[in-house]
């Protein structure tokens, strides 16, 4: 996995699709905050299949971003492409209280 964080957004008919790749850490914060401005649809599908490591700052940014999307935009957030480490980390930190894992 590459270290640099990359976020790609595609607007669908009824959902926005966000592909993340690289490491989610402090450097990813600015990009994640931009989601609040560029997300347009009420459903958001976030793909983590190309994400490597997620550190504590990355979790903090994800929690803040998902909470604002849910509270301010009424968004329904689905997470896909989670590996076992992401799943365990998101369970332990409360990310799944804000976004639902998709099978």
C-alpha atoms as a PDB file:
ATOM      1  CA  UNK A   1       0.000   0.000   0.000  1.00  0.00           C
ATOM      2  CA  UNK A   2       1.169   3.473  -0.729  1.00  0.00           C
ATOM      3  CA  UNK A   3       1.713   5.939   2.094  1.00  0.00           C
ATOM      4  CA  UNK A   4       0.243   9.057   0.485  1.00  0.00           C
ATOM      5  CA  UNK A   5      -3.471   9.541   1.006  1.00  0.00           C
ATOM      6  CA  UNK A   6      -5.665   9.861  -2.081  1.00  0.00           C
ATOM      7  CA  UNK A   7      -9.407  10.511  -2.134  1.00  0.00           C
ATOM      8  CA  UNK A   8     -11.524  10.218  -5.265  1.00  0.00           C
ATOM      9  CA  UNK A   9     -15.183  11.246  -5.363  1.00  0.00           C
ATOM     10  CA  UNK A  10     -17.750  10.276  -7.961  1.00  0.00           C
ATOM     11  CA  UNK A  11     -21.328  11.564  -7.886  1.00  0.00           C
ATOM     12  CA  UNK A  12     -23.893   8.904  -8.734  1.00  0.00           C
ATOM     13  CA  UNK A  13     -27.619   9.276  -9.289  1.00  0.00           C
ATOM     14  CA  UNK A  14     -28.646   8.756  -5.658  1.00  0.00           C
ATOM     15  CA  UNK A  15     -25.286   8.251  -3.912  1.00  0.00           C
ATOM     16  CA  UNK A  16     -21.796   9.688  -3.775  1.00  0.00           C
ATOM     17  CA  UNK A  17     -18.972   7.151  -4.083  1.00  0.00           C
ATOM     18  CA  UNK A  18     -15.702   7.886  -2.297  1.00  0.00           C
ATOM     19  CA  UNK A  19     -12.600   5.785  -2.933  1.00  0.00           C
ATOM     20  CA  UNK A  20      -9.813   6.142  -0.394  1.00  0.00           C
ATOM     21  CA  UNK A  21      -6.271   4.850  -0.751  1.00  0.00           C
ATOM     22  CA  UNK A  22      -2.990   5.072   1.125  1.00  0.00           C
ATOM     23  CA  UNK A  23      -2.487   5.867   4.789  1.00  0.00           C
ATOM     24  CA  UNK A  24      -5.147   7.745   6.758  1.00  0.00           C
ATOM     25  CA  UNK A  25      -3.250   9.940   9.209  1.00  0.00           C
ATOM     26  CA  UNK A  26      -2.740  13.631   9.987  1.00  0.00           C
ATOM     27  CA  UNK A  27      -2.006  14.401   6.329  1.00  0.00           C
ATOM     28  CA  UNK A  28      -5.441  13.079   5.289  1.00  0.00           C
ATOM     29  CA  UNK A  29      -7.277  15.600   7.474  1.00  0.00           C
ATOM     30  CA  UNK A  30      -7.568  18.395   4.929  1.00  0.00           C
ATOM     31  CA  UNK A  31      -8.936  16.075   2.245  1.00  0.00           C
ATOM     32  CA  UNK A  32     -11.462  14.520   4.614  1.00  0.00           C
ATOM     33  CA  UNK A  33     -12.682  17.958   5.710  1.00  0.00           C
ATOM     34  CA  UNK A  34     -13.287  18.829   2.033  1.00  0.00           C
ATOM     35  CA  UNK A  35     -15.879  16.047   1.896  1.00  0.00           C
ATOM     36  CA  UNK A  36     -18.259  18.236   3.867  1.00  0.00           C
ATOM     37  CA  UNK A  37     -18.323  20.716   0.994  1.00  0.00           C
ATOM     38  CA  UNK A  38     -18.273  18.377  -2.013  1.00  0.00           C
ATOM     39  CA  UNK A  39     -20.687  15.617  -0.981  1.00  0.00           C
ATOM     40  CA  UNK A  40     -24.051  16.221  -2.647  1.00  0.00           C
ATOM     41  CA  UNK A  41     -26.129  13.040  -2.220  1.00  0.00           C
ATOM     42  CA  UNK A  42     -27.919  11.734   0.884  1.00  0.00           C
ATOM     43  CA  UNK A  43     -26.194   8.348   0.588  1.00  0.00           C
ATOM     44  CA  UNK A  44     -22.439   8.000   0.751  1.00  0.00           C
ATOM     45  CA  UNK A  45     -20.472   4.836   0.007  1.00  0.00           C
ATOM     46  CA  UNK A  46     -16.854   4.896   1.189  1.00  0.00           C
ATOM     47  CA  UNK A  47     -14.459   2.266  -0.187  1.00  0.00           C
ATOM     48  CA  UNK A  48     -11.508   1.354   2.067  1.00  0.00           C
ATOM     49  CA  UNK A  49     -10.180  -1.524  -0.078  1.00  0.00           C
ATOM     50  CA  UNK A  50      -6.995   0.389  -0.983  1.00  0.00           C
ATOM     51  CA  UNK A  51      -6.380   1.871   2.471  1.00  0.00           C
ATOM     52  CA  UNK A  52      -3.393   0.638   4.428  1.00  0.00           C
ATOM     53  CA  UNK A  53      -2.708   1.923   7.899  1.00  0.00           C
ATOM     54  CA  UNK A  54      -5.092   4.170   9.846  1.00  0.00           C
ATOM     55  CA  UNK A  55      -3.557   5.849  12.888  1.00  0.00           C
ATOM     56  CA  UNK A  56      -5.219   7.643  15.815  1.00  0.00           C
ATOM     57  CA  UNK A  57      -5.320  11.001  14.028  1.00  0.00           C
ATOM     58  CA  UNK A  58      -6.894   9.284  11.019  1.00  0.00           C
ATOM     59  CA  UNK A  59      -9.596   7.784  13.241  1.00  0.00           C
ATOM     60  CA  UNK A  60     -10.236  11.209  14.788  1.00  0.00           C
ATOM     61  CA  UNK A  61     -10.631  12.780  11.328  1.00  0.00           C
ATOM     62  CA  UNK A  62     -12.939   9.965  10.145  1.00  0.00           C
ATOM     63  CA  UNK A  63     -15.106  10.274  13.272  1.00  0.00           C
ATOM     64  CA  UNK A  64     -15.366  14.055  12.918  1.00  0.00           C
ATOM     65  CA  UNK A  65     -16.078  13.879   9.192  1.00  0.00           C
ATOM     66  CA  UNK A  66     -18.690  11.112   9.442  1.00  0.00           C
ATOM     67  CA  UNK A  67     -20.431  12.852  12.358  1.00  0.00           C
ATOM     68  CA  UNK A  68     -20.668  16.151  10.468  1.00  0.00           C
ATOM     69  CA  UNK A  69     -21.896  14.423   7.301  1.00  0.00           C
ATOM     70  CA  UNK A  70     -24.554  12.590   9.264  1.00  0.00           C
ATOM     71  CA  UNK A  71     -25.617  15.515  11.481  1.00  0.00           C
ATOM     72  CA  UNK A  72     -25.308  18.450   9.059  1.00  0.00           C
ATOM     73  CA  UNK A  73     -26.324  16.740   5.798  1.00  0.00           C
ATOM     74  CA  UNK A  74     -28.435  13.850   7.082  1.00  0.00           C
ATOM     75  CA  UNK A  75     -26.192  11.474   5.165  1.00  0.00           C
ATOM     76  CA  UNK A  76     -26.403   7.697   5.359  1.00  0.00           C
ATOM     77  CA  UNK A  77     -22.817   6.391   5.224  1.00  0.00           C
ATOM     78  CA  UNK A  78     -21.867   2.865   4.120  1.00  0.00           C
ATOM     79  CA  UNK A  79     -18.344   1.467   4.406  1.00  0.00           C
ATOM     80  CA  UNK A  80     -17.058  -1.159   1.975  1.00  0.00           C
ATOM     81  CA  UNK A  81     -13.740  -2.896   1.362  1.00  0.00           C
ATOM     82  CA  UNK A  82     -12.860  -3.133   5.036  1.00  0.00           C
ATOM     83  CA  UNK A  83     -10.153  -5.603   5.992  1.00  0.00           C
ATOM     84  CA  UNK A  84     -10.160  -7.366   9.374  1.00  0.00           C
ATOM     85  CA  UNK A  85      -7.884  -4.744  10.965  1.00  0.00           C
ATOM     86  CA  UNK A  86     -10.087  -1.843   9.818  1.00  0.00           C
ATOM     87  CA  UNK A  87     -13.180  -3.674  11.064  1.00  0.00           C
ATOM     88  CA  UNK A  88     -11.689  -4.287  14.509  1.00  0.00           C
ATOM     89  CA  UNK A  89     -10.390  -0.700  14.735  1.00  0.00           C
ATOM     90  CA  UNK A  90     -13.746   0.779  13.717  1.00  0.00           C
ATOM     91  CA  UNK A  91     -15.607  -1.391  16.247  1.00  0.00           C
ATOM     92  CA  UNK A  92     -13.259  -0.334  19.050  1.00  0.00           C
ATOM     93  CA  UNK A  93     -13.347   3.392  18.249  1.00  0.00           C
ATOM     94  CA  UNK A  94     -17.043   3.868  17.513  1.00  0.00           C
ATOM     95  CA  UNK A  95     -16.824   4.534  13.774  1.00  0.00           C
ATOM     96  CA  UNK A  96     -19.592   1.968  13.230  1.00  0.00           C
ATOM     97  CA  UNK A  97     -21.917   4.122  15.353  1.00  0.00           C
ATOM     98  CA  UNK A  98     -21.746   6.745  12.584  1.00  0.00           C
ATOM     99  CA  UNK A  99     -21.316   4.605   9.472  1.00  0.00           C
ATOM    100  CA  UNK A 100     -22.502   1.104   8.620  1.00  0.00           C
ATOM    101  CA  UNK A 101     -20.272  -1.669   7.291  1.00  0.00           C
ATOM    102  CA  UNK A 102     -21.558  -3.159   4.073  1.00  0.00           C
ATOM    103  CA  UNK A 103     -21.035  -6.852   3.334  1.00  0.00           C
END
